[in-house]
C-alpha atoms as a PDB file:
ATOM      1  CA  MET A   1    -129.624  67.211 -29.544  1.00  0.00           C
ATOM      2  CA  GLY A   2    -127.519  69.082 -32.098  1.00  0.00           C
ATOM      3  CA  VAL A   3    -128.647  72.545 -30.599  1.00  0.00           C
ATOM      4  CA  LEU A   4    -125.713  74.391 -28.969  1.00  0.00           C
ATOM      5  CA  VAL A   5    -126.796  76.376 -25.987  1.00  0.00           C
ATOM      6  CA  ARG A   6    -124.933  78.462 -23.373  1.00  0.00           C
ATOM      7  CA  LEU A   7    -123.261  77.071 -20.378  1.00  0.00           C
ATOM      8  CA  LEU A   8    -122.915  79.218 -17.278  1.00  0.00           C
ATOM      9  CA  HIS A   9    -120.408  78.339 -14.603  1.00  0.00           C
ATOM     10  CA  ALA A  10    -122.190  80.756 -12.298  1.00  0.00           C
ATOM     11  CA  ASP A  11    -120.216  81.484  -9.183  1.00  0.00           C
ATOM     12  CA  LEU A  12    -119.109  77.797  -8.998  1.00  0.00           C
ATOM     13  CA  ARG A  13    -115.691  77.523  -7.206  1.00  0.00           C
ATOM     14  CA  VAL A  14    -113.813  74.402  -7.826  1.00  0.00           C
ATOM     15  CA  ARG A  15    -110.671  73.053  -6.203  1.00  0.00           C
ATOM     16  CA  ARG A  16    -107.756  71.661  -7.954  1.00  0.00           C
ATOM     17  CA  ALA A  17    -105.889  69.319  -5.748  1.00  0.00           C
ATOM     18  CA  GLY A  18    -102.163  68.914  -6.031  1.00  0.00           C
ATOM     19  CA  GLY A  19     -99.818  65.960  -5.472  1.00  0.00           C
ATOM     20  CA  ALA A  20    -100.299  62.281  -6.329  1.00  0.00           C
ATOM     21  CA  VAL A  21    -103.712  61.087  -7.306  1.00  0.00           C
ATOM     22  CA  PRO A  22    -105.046  58.253  -4.973  1.00  0.00           C
ATOM     23  CA  ARG A  23    -105.364  54.951  -6.573  1.00  0.00           C
ATOM     24  CA  THR A  24    -109.036  54.005  -6.527  1.00  0.00           C
ATOM     25  CA  ARG A  25    -110.861  50.776  -7.424  1.00  0.00           C
ATOM     26  CA  SER A  26    -113.565  50.826 -10.021  1.00  0.00           C
ATOM     27  CA  ARG A  27    -116.801  49.037  -9.517  1.00  0.00           C
ATOM     28  CA  SER A  28    -115.652  46.229 -11.781  1.00  0.00           C
ATOM     29  CA  GLY A  29    -112.626  45.686  -9.467  1.00  0.00           C
ATOM     30  CA  ARG A  30    -110.162  47.093 -11.897  1.00  0.00           C
ATOM     31  CA  ARG A  31    -107.831  49.767 -10.640  1.00  0.00           C
ATOM     32  CA  SER A  32    -108.117  53.369 -11.855  1.00  0.00           C
ATOM     33  CA  VAL A  33    -104.449  54.776 -12.229  1.00  0.00           C
ATOM     34  CA  GLY A  34    -103.614  58.421 -11.652  1.00  0.00           C
ATOM     35  CA  VAL A  35    -100.505  60.586 -12.004  1.00  0.00           C
ATOM     36  CA  VAL A  36     -99.327  63.847 -10.424  1.00  0.00           C
ATOM     37  CA  GLY A  37    -101.302  67.085 -11.258  1.00  0.00           C
ATOM     38  CA  ASP A  38    -100.661  70.724 -10.431  1.00  0.00           C
ATOM     39  CA  ALA A  39    -102.293  72.607  -7.636  1.00  0.00           C
ATOM     40  CA  GLY A  40    -104.359  75.801  -7.501  1.00  0.00           C
ATOM     41  CA  ARG A  41    -107.794  77.172  -7.538  1.00  0.00           C
ATOM     42  CA  ARG A  42    -109.834  78.497 -10.410  1.00  0.00           C
ATOM     43  CA  TRP A  43    -113.137  80.257 -10.705  1.00  0.00           C
ATOM     44  CA  GLY A  44    -115.891  79.089 -13.090  1.00  0.00           C
ATOM     45  CA  ALA A  45    -116.286  81.066 -16.309  1.00  0.00           C
ATOM     46  CA  VAL A  46    -119.059  81.780 -18.788  1.00  0.00           C
ATOM     47  CA  LEU A  47    -118.462  79.467 -21.573  1.00  0.00           C
ATOM     48  CA  PRO A  48    -120.695  80.117 -24.634  1.00  0.00           C
ATOM     49  CA  GLY A  49    -121.343  77.839 -27.536  1.00  0.00           C
ATOM     50  CA  HIS A  50    -121.144  74.374 -25.970  1.00  0.00           C
ATOM     51  CA  ARG A  51    -123.754  71.713 -25.588  1.00  0.00           C
ATOM     52  CA  ARG A  52    -125.748  71.526 -22.192  1.00  0.00           C
ATOM     53  CA  LEU A  53    -128.233  68.877 -21.490  1.00  0.00           C
ATOM     54  CA  HIS A  54    -130.458  70.830 -19.148  1.00  0.00           C
ATOM     55  CA  GLY A  55    -130.708  74.378 -18.124  1.00  0.00           C
ATOM     56  CA  ASP A  56    -128.212  76.702 -16.576  1.00  0.00           C
ATOM     57  CA  VAL A  57    -126.144  75.476 -13.465  1.00  0.00           C
ATOM     58  CA  ASP A  58    -127.775  76.409 -10.135  1.00  0.00           C
ATOM     59  CA  ALA A  59    -125.291  76.239  -7.364  1.00  0.00           C
ATOM     60  CA  ALA A  60    -128.227  76.447  -4.839  1.00  0.00           C
ATOM     61  CA  ASP A  61    -130.185  73.526  -6.231  1.00  0.00           C
ATOM     62  CA  PRO A  62    -130.662  71.095  -3.274  1.00  0.00           C
ATOM     63  CA  ARG A  63    -130.305  68.139  -5.610  1.00  0.00           C
ATOM     64  CA  LEU A  64    -126.961  69.313  -6.757  1.00  0.00           C
ATOM     65  CA  THR A  65    -125.742  69.812  -2.989  1.00  0.00           C
ATOM     66  CA  ALA A  66    -127.086  66.207  -2.129  1.00  0.00           C
ATOM     67  CA  ALA A  67    -125.295  64.613  -5.115  1.00  0.00           C
ATOM     68  CA  VAL A  68    -122.137  66.369  -4.250  1.00  0.00           C
ATOM     69  CA  ALA A  69    -122.307  65.399  -0.623  1.00  0.00           C
ATOM     70  CA  GLY A  70    -123.151  61.847  -1.576  1.00  0.00           C
ATOM     71  CA  ALA A  71    -120.128  61.581  -3.777  1.00  0.00           C
ATOM     72  CA  GLY A  72    -117.806  62.945  -1.170  1.00  0.00           C
ATOM     73  CA  LEU A  73    -116.975  66.020  -3.085  1.00  0.00           C
ATOM     74  CA  ALA A  74    -116.223  69.536  -1.583  1.00  0.00           C
ATOM     75  CA  SER A  75    -117.744  71.604  -4.326  1.00  0.00           C
ATOM     76  CA  VAL A  76    -120.106  71.598  -7.282  1.00  0.00           C
ATOM     77  CA  SER A  77    -118.381  70.893 -10.743  1.00  0.00           C
ATOM     78  CA  ILE A  78    -118.783  70.109 -14.388  1.00  0.00           C
ATOM     79  CA  THR A  79    -117.673  67.150 -16.579  1.00  0.00           C
ATOM     80  CA  TYR A  80    -116.916  67.515 -20.233  1.00  0.00           C
ATOM     81  CA  LEU A  81    -117.514  64.219 -21.968  1.00  0.00           C
ATOM     82  CA  LEU A  82    -115.953  63.650 -25.305  1.00  0.00           C
ATOM     83  CA  ARG A  83    -115.765  60.906 -27.858  1.00  0.00           C
ATOM     84  CA  HIS A  84    -112.047  60.457 -29.073  1.00  0.00           C
ATOM     85  CA  GLY A  85    -110.945  61.856 -32.353  1.00  0.00           C
ATOM     86  CA  ARG A  86    -111.399  59.932 -35.449  1.00  0.00           C
ATOM     87  CA  THR A  87    -109.298  56.764 -36.309  1.00  0.00           C
ATOM     88  CA  ALA A  88    -109.133  54.892 -39.580  1.00  0.00           C
ATOM     89  CA  LEU A  89    -111.055  52.022 -38.102  1.00  0.00           C
ATOM     90  CA  SER A  90    -113.767  54.308 -36.753  1.00  0.00           C
ATOM     91  CA  ALA A  91    -114.089  55.960 -40.122  1.00  0.00           C
ATOM     92  CA  ALA A  92    -114.639  52.531 -41.685  1.00  0.00           C
ATOM     93  CA  HIS A  93    -116.906  51.398 -38.911  1.00  0.00           C
ATOM     94  CA  ILE A  94    -114.577  48.554 -38.018  1.00  0.00           C
ATOM     95  CA  THR A  95    -114.977  47.181 -34.298  1.00  0.00           C
ATOM     96  CA  ASN A  96    -112.122  47.494 -31.833  1.00  0.00           C
ATOM     97  CA  GLY A  97    -112.869  46.605 -28.209  1.00  0.00           C
ATOM     98  CA  ASP A  98    -109.324  45.224 -27.488  1.00  0.00           C
ATOM     99  CA  PRO A  99    -107.143  47.854 -25.716  1.00  0.00           C
ATOM    100  CA  THR A 100    -103.971  45.920 -26.586  1.00  0.00           C
ATOM    101  CA  ARG A 101    -104.670  46.905 -30.268  1.00  0.00           C
ATOM    102  CA  ARG A 102    -103.065  50.269 -30.247  1.00  0.00           C
ATOM    103  CA  ILE A 103    -105.108  52.128 -32.810  1.00  0.00           C
ATOM    104  CA  ALA A 104    -104.022  55.884 -33.189  1.00  0.00           C
ATOM    105  CA  LEU A 105    -105.880  58.724 -34.516  1.00  0.00           C
ATOM    106  CA  ASP A 106    -105.860  59.361 -38.265  1.00  0.00           C
ATOM    107  CA  ASP A 107    -105.017  62.717 -39.957  1.00  0.00           C
ATOM    108  CA  VAL A 108    -108.637  63.864 -39.570  1.00  0.00           C
ATOM    109  CA  GLY A 109    -108.688  62.882 -35.924  1.00  0.00           C
ATOM    110  CA  LEU A 110    -105.514  64.796 -35.291  1.00  0.00           C
ATOM    111  CA  ARG A 111    -106.951  67.923 -36.994  1.00  0.00           C
ATOM    112  CA  GLN A 112    -110.109  67.553 -35.009  1.00  0.00           C
ATOM    113  CA  CYS A 113    -108.166  67.515 -31.707  1.00  0.00           C
ATOM    114  CA  HIS A 114    -105.921  70.542 -32.725  1.00  0.00           C
ATOM    115  CA  LEU A 115    -109.117  72.598 -33.656  1.00  0.00           C
ATOM    116  CA  VAL A 116    -110.632  71.868 -30.129  1.00  0.00           C
ATOM    117  CA  ALA A 117    -107.256  72.724 -28.443  1.00  0.00           C
ATOM    118  CA  LEU A 118    -107.272  76.088 -30.223  1.00  0.00           C
ATOM    119  CA  THR A 119    -110.892  77.089 -29.828  1.00  0.00           C
ATOM    120  CA  ALA A 120    -112.138  75.591 -26.550  1.00  0.00           C
ATOM    121  CA  GLY A 121    -111.689  78.052 -23.756  1.00  0.00           C
ATOM    122  CA  TRP A 122    -113.106  75.701 -21.160  1.00  0.00           C
ATOM    123  CA  LEU A 123    -109.958  73.596 -21.394  1.00  0.00           C
ATOM    124  CA  ASP A 124    -108.212  76.187 -19.133  1.00  0.00           C
ATOM    125  CA  THR A 125    -110.490  75.203 -16.287  1.00  0.00           C
ATOM    126  CA  ILE A 126    -109.803  71.503 -16.373  1.00  0.00           C
ATOM    127  CA  ALA A 127    -108.438  69.932 -13.206  1.00  0.00           C
ATOM    128  CA  THR A 128    -108.737  66.230 -14.077  1.00  0.00           C
ATOM    129  CA  SER A 129    -108.387  64.292 -17.360  1.00  0.00           C
ATOM    130  CA  VAL A 130    -109.943  60.859 -17.354  1.00  0.00           C
ATOM    131  CA  THR A 131    -109.582  58.423 -20.179  1.00  0.00           C
ATOM    132  CA  SER A 132    -110.027  54.666 -21.005  1.00  0.00           C
ATOM    133  CA  ARG A 133    -107.087  52.430 -21.520  1.00  0.00           C
ATOM    134  CA  PHE A 134    -107.284  52.835 -25.333  1.00  0.00           C
ATOM    135  CA  LEU A 135    -104.508  54.808 -27.218  1.00  0.00           C
ATOM    136  CA  ARG A 136    -107.016  56.853 -29.064  1.00  0.00           C
ATOM    137  CA  THR A 137    -108.674  58.225 -25.929  1.00  0.00           C
ATOM    138  CA  GLN A 138    -105.351  59.079 -24.271  1.00  0.00           C
ATOM    139  CA  GLN A 139    -103.933  60.597 -27.549  1.00  0.00           C
ATOM    140  CA  THR A 140    -107.182  62.810 -27.868  1.00  0.00           C
ATOM    141  CA  ALA A 141    -106.700  63.979 -24.170  1.00  0.00           C
ATOM    142  CA  ASP A 142    -103.061  64.821 -24.690  1.00  0.00           C
ATOM    143  CA  LEU A 143    -103.635  66.784 -27.872  1.00  0.00           C
ATOM    144  CA  VAL A 144    -106.599  68.872 -26.705  1.00  0.00           C
ATOM    145  CA  LEU A 145    -104.880  69.553 -23.278  1.00  0.00           C
ATOM    146  CA  GLY A 146    -101.532  70.428 -24.684  1.00  0.00           C
ATOM    147  CA  GLU A 147     -99.098  71.545 -21.945  1.00  0.00           C
ATOM    148  CA  ARG A 148    -101.746  72.268 -19.361  1.00  0.00           C
ATOM    149  CA  LEU A 149    -100.807  70.619 -16.082  1.00  0.00           C
ATOM    150  CA  VAL A 150    -103.795  68.502 -14.920  1.00  0.00           C
ATOM    151  CA  GLN A 151    -104.259  65.239 -13.042  1.00  0.00           C
ATOM    152  CA  ARG A 152    -104.331  62.256 -15.494  1.00  0.00           C
ATOM    153  CA  VAL A 153    -106.447  59.273 -14.634  1.00  0.00           C
ATOM    154  CA  VAL A 154    -107.022  55.946 -16.562  1.00  0.00           C
ATOM    155  CA  GLU A 155    -110.406  54.407 -15.777  1.00  0.00           C
ATOM    156  CA  PRO A 156    -110.671  50.908 -17.224  1.00  0.00           C
ATOM    157  CA  ASP A 157    -114.490  50.940 -16.783  1.00  0.00           C
ATOM    158  CA  LEU A 158    -114.572  53.461 -19.622  1.00  0.00           C
ATOM    159  CA  ASP A 159    -113.139  50.994 -22.081  1.00  0.00           C
ATOM    160  CA  GLU A 160    -115.007  50.199 -25.288  1.00  0.00           C
ATOM    161  CA  ILE A 161    -117.378  47.154 -25.432  1.00  0.00           C
ATOM    162  CA  ASP A 162    -115.574  43.753 -25.804  1.00  0.00           C
ATOM    163  CA  TYR A 163    -117.015  42.534 -29.066  1.00  0.00           C
ATOM    164  CA  GLY A 164    -115.834  38.951 -28.725  1.00  0.00           C
ATOM    165  CA  CYS A 165    -115.660  37.221 -32.137  1.00  0.00           C
ATOM    166  CA  PHE A 166    -116.831  40.446 -33.832  1.00  0.00           C
ATOM    167  CA  GLU A 167    -113.540  42.144 -32.934  1.00  0.00           C
ATOM    168  CA  GLY A 168    -111.955  43.618 -35.988  1.00  0.00           C
ATOM    169  CA  GLY A 169    -114.865  43.072 -38.285  1.00  0.00           C
ATOM    170  CA  PRO A 170    -117.644  45.465 -39.757  1.00  0.00           C
ATOM    171  CA  TRP A 171    -119.888  47.005 -37.008  1.00  0.00           C
ATOM    172  CA  THR A 172    -122.869  46.120 -39.243  1.00  0.00           C
ATOM    173  CA  ASP A 173    -122.083  42.386 -38.561  1.00  0.00           C
ATOM    174  CA  TYR A 174    -122.273  43.021 -34.803  1.00  0.00           C
ATOM    175  CA  GLY A 175    -125.358  45.296 -35.123  1.00  0.00           C
ATOM    176  CA  THR A 176    -127.275  42.679 -36.992  1.00  0.00           C
ATOM    177  CA  TRP A 177    -126.358  40.004 -34.346  1.00  0.00           C
ATOM    178  CA  LEU A 178    -127.348  42.487 -31.671  1.00  0.00           C
ATOM    179  CA  ARG A 179    -130.825  43.108 -33.250  1.00  0.00           C
ATOM    180  CA  GLU A 180    -131.352  39.304 -33.530  1.00  0.00           C
ATOM    181  CA  GLN A 181    -129.970  38.101 -30.207  1.00  0.00           C
ATOM    182  CA  GLY A 182    -130.896  41.100 -27.879  1.00  0.00           C
ATOM    183  CA  SER A 183    -128.943  43.319 -25.598  1.00  0.00           C
ATOM    184  CA  THR A 184    -128.478  40.779 -22.795  1.00  0.00           C
ATOM    185  CA  SER A 185    -126.744  38.118 -25.054  1.00  0.00           C
ATOM    186  CA  VAL A 186    -122.949  37.671 -24.957  1.00  0.00           C
ATOM    187  CA  PRO A 187    -121.191  37.415 -28.294  1.00  0.00           C
ATOM    188  CA  PRO A 188    -119.699  34.031 -29.247  1.00  0.00           C
ATOM    189  CA  CYS A 189    -116.070  33.493 -28.279  1.00  0.00           C
ATOM    190  CA  GLY A 190    -116.422  35.719 -25.278  1.00  0.00           C
ATOM    191  CA  GLY A 191    -116.885  39.454 -25.037  1.00  0.00           C
ATOM    192  CA  GLU A 192    -119.670  41.033 -23.055  1.00  0.00           C
ATOM    193  CA  SER A 193    -123.397  41.800 -23.564  1.00  0.00           C
ATOM    194  CA  TRP A 194    -124.476  45.315 -24.637  1.00  0.00           C
ATOM    195  CA  ASP A 195    -126.337  45.808 -21.398  1.00  0.00           C
ATOM    196  CA  GLY A 196    -123.440  44.670 -19.290  1.00  0.00           C
ATOM    197  CA  ALA A 197    -121.137  47.012 -21.198  1.00  0.00           C
ATOM    198  CA  VAL A 198    -123.536  50.064 -20.703  1.00  0.00           C
ATOM    199  CA  ASP A 199    -123.784  49.403 -17.102  1.00  0.00           C
ATOM    200  CA  ARG A 200    -120.035  49.170 -16.704  1.00  0.00           C
ATOM    201  CA  LEU A 201    -119.468  52.389 -18.800  1.00  0.00           C
ATOM    202  CA  LEU A 202    -121.983  54.353 -16.695  1.00  0.00           C
ATOM    203  CA  ALA A 203    -120.336  53.024 -13.511  1.00  0.00           C
ATOM    204  CA  GLY A 204    -116.954  54.214 -14.817  1.00  0.00           C
ATOM    205  CA  LEU A 205    -118.319  57.664 -15.754  1.00  0.00           C
ATOM    206  CA  THR A 206    -119.997  57.934 -12.273  1.00  0.00           C
ATOM    207  CA  ASN A 207    -116.628  56.967 -10.746  1.00  0.00           C
ATOM    208  CA  CYS A 208    -115.125  60.227 -12.288  1.00  0.00           C
ATOM    209  CA  LEU A 209    -117.015  62.172  -9.603  1.00  0.00           C
ATOM    210  CA  THR A 210    -114.371  61.075  -7.097  1.00  0.00           C
ATOM    211  CA  HIS A 211    -111.831  63.108  -8.951  1.00  0.00           C
ATOM    212  CA  PRO A 212    -111.456  66.934  -8.745  1.00  0.00           C
ATOM    213  CA  GLY A 213    -113.328  68.995 -11.165  1.00  0.00           C
ATOM    214  CA  PRO A 214    -113.840  70.414 -13.806  1.00  0.00           C
ATOM    215  CA  ARG A 215    -113.199  67.178 -15.563  1.00  0.00           C
ATOM    216  CA  LEU A 216    -112.383  66.194 -19.114  1.00  0.00           C
ATOM    217  CA  VAL A 217    -113.612  62.647 -19.794  1.00  0.00           C
ATOM    218  CA  VAL A 218    -112.474  61.239 -23.159  1.00  0.00           C
ATOM    219  CA  ALA A 219    -114.253  57.858 -23.867  1.00  0.00           C
ATOM    220  CA  HIS A 220    -115.838  55.972 -26.731  1.00  0.00           C
ATOM    221  CA  GLY A 221    -118.813  56.407 -28.932  1.00  0.00           C
ATOM    222  CA  LEU A 222    -121.117  53.977 -27.226  1.00  0.00           C
ATOM    223  CA  LEU A 223    -120.867  55.795 -23.861  1.00  0.00           C
ATOM    224  CA  VAL A 224    -121.424  59.281 -25.562  1.00  0.00           C
ATOM    225  CA  SER A 225    -124.375  57.949 -27.531  1.00  0.00           C
ATOM    226  CA  VAL A 226    -125.970  56.405 -24.482  1.00  0.00           C
ATOM    227  CA  VAL A 227    -125.498  59.472 -22.337  1.00  0.00           C
ATOM    228  CA  ARG A 228    -127.189  61.542 -25.158  1.00  0.00           C
ATOM    229  CA  ALA A 229    -130.033  59.106 -25.468  1.00  0.00           C
ATOM    230  CA  LEU A 230    -130.683  59.069 -21.813  1.00  0.00           C
ATOM    231  CA  HIS A 231    -131.545  62.735 -22.032  1.00  0.00           C
ATOM    232  CA  GLY A 232    -133.697  62.265 -25.055  1.00  0.00           C
ATOM    233  CA  PRO A 233    -137.244  61.062 -25.264  1.00  0.00           C
ATOM    234  CA  ASP A 234    -138.486  58.949 -22.250  1.00  0.00           C
ATOM    235  CA  GLU A 235    -138.139  55.541 -24.023  1.00  0.00           C
ATOM    236  CA  PRO A 236    -135.954  52.478 -23.837  1.00  0.00           C
ATOM    237  CA  VAL A 237    -132.404  52.968 -25.224  1.00  0.00           C
ATOM    238  CA  ASP A 238    -131.997  50.724 -28.206  1.00  0.00           C
ATOM    239  CA  GLY A 239    -128.450  49.539 -28.703  1.00  0.00           C
ATOM    240  CA  SER A 240    -128.756  48.596 -32.350  1.00  0.00           C
ATOM    241  CA  ALA A 241    -130.349  51.970 -33.372  1.00  0.00           C
ATOM    242  CA  LEU A 242    -128.405  54.579 -31.444  1.00  0.00           C
ATOM    243  CA  PRO A 243    -127.104  57.548 -33.583  1.00  0.00           C
ATOM    244  CA  GLU A 244    -123.333  57.584 -34.006  1.00  0.00           C
ATOM    245  CA  ALA A 245    -121.773  60.023 -31.577  1.00  0.00           C
ATOM    246  CA  PRO A 246    -119.800  62.969 -33.173  1.00  0.00           C
ATOM    247  CA  TYR A 247    -116.115  63.122 -32.545  1.00  0.00           C
ATOM    248  CA  VAL A 248    -114.630  65.543 -29.853  1.00  0.00           C
ATOM    249  CA  ASP A 249    -117.974  67.333 -29.386  1.00  0.00           C
ATOM    250  CA  PRO A 250    -118.502  67.876 -25.557  1.00  0.00           C
ATOM    251  CA  VAL A 251    -121.513  66.753 -23.780  1.00  0.00           C
ATOM    252  CA  ILE A 252    -121.518  68.918 -20.653  1.00  0.00           C
ATOM    253  CA  LEU A 253    -122.783  67.483 -17.362  1.00  0.00           C
ATOM    254  CA  THR A 254    -123.231  68.908 -13.907  1.00  0.00           C
ATOM    255  CA  ASP A 255    -122.424  66.569 -11.083  1.00  0.00           C
ATOM    256  CA  THR A 256    -126.070  66.149 -10.462  1.00  0.00           C
ATOM    257  CA  GLU A 257    -126.736  65.035 -14.107  1.00  0.00           C
ATOM    258  CA  LEU A 258    -123.782  62.713 -14.105  1.00  0.00           C
ATOM    259  CA  ALA A 259    -124.949  61.109 -10.806  1.00  0.00           C
ATOM    260  CA  GLU A 260    -128.477  60.621 -12.209  1.00  0.00           C
ATOM    261  CA  LEU A 261    -127.460  58.788 -15.318  1.00  0.00           C
ATOM    262  CA  ALA A 262    -127.257  55.272 -13.820  1.00  0.00           C
ATOM    263  CA  HIS A 263    -130.800  55.836 -12.409  1.00  0.00           C
ATOM    264  CA  ARG A 264    -132.128  56.937 -15.776  1.00  0.00           C
ATOM    265  CA  ARG A 265    -130.661  53.885 -17.294  1.00  0.00           C
ATOM    266  CA  ARG A 266    -132.457  51.460 -14.799  1.00  0.00           C
ATOM    267  CA  THR A 267    -135.791  53.069 -15.418  1.00  0.00           C
ATOM    268  CA  ARG A 268    -135.439  52.902 -19.220  1.00  0.00           C
ATOM    269  CA  ARG A 269    -134.268  49.325 -19.950  1.00  0.00           C
ATOM    270  CA  ASN A 270    -136.033  47.480 -22.680  1.00  0.00           C
END
């Protein structure tokens, strides 16, 4: 999955909606919060050098048309899914699933975001930015977008997994427990199961289809790793053995690919 291939936005016209973003309710019942974005229209562009999960976009693909219609969208679009920039805790593999702990990017993370802001031409096409409630995802989105006027949405279902009593400790402790207890077990002292967190994350990502595209979605390593794995070999996704997702390296999804993720997950459970 480290191979970079060409993305074609071939004759895909996307709408950028102006005015206030409607408040929508996520599948978990928590509200997604939006702010005001700018108005206008953009044409798709040829964007070389970025990761694609499948072949080139085909605007005439009937599956794509059906997915777009089913989601209530007016046009075909693209979602760029990023893991946030590096933090001191993520560099040390320390867990943080509590959004009230405001963990900022470290110096490396800041440089990672500045590099993307300077080199990623696709950022000029973004209509909506969606993040979790965590500071590190919002800081990443702000840094890579700069002064670009886009709709900003906070989607709580994109939040990192709640680690329960493993919060703030080495990820290896959580990983050992996960291997021993299984993906349906809930950590002691609260938290959520790995399976439950993945289902929530995929629901939150699917909910991004209700917002105008192209979209920048800045989330956490678990979601990005799961999305990459779902497009790998046809085998169960093992939570204790997933490769770590790289920072601010886009996974590019058509609306069809995004809409199919939850189905892929259901068919590939352990």
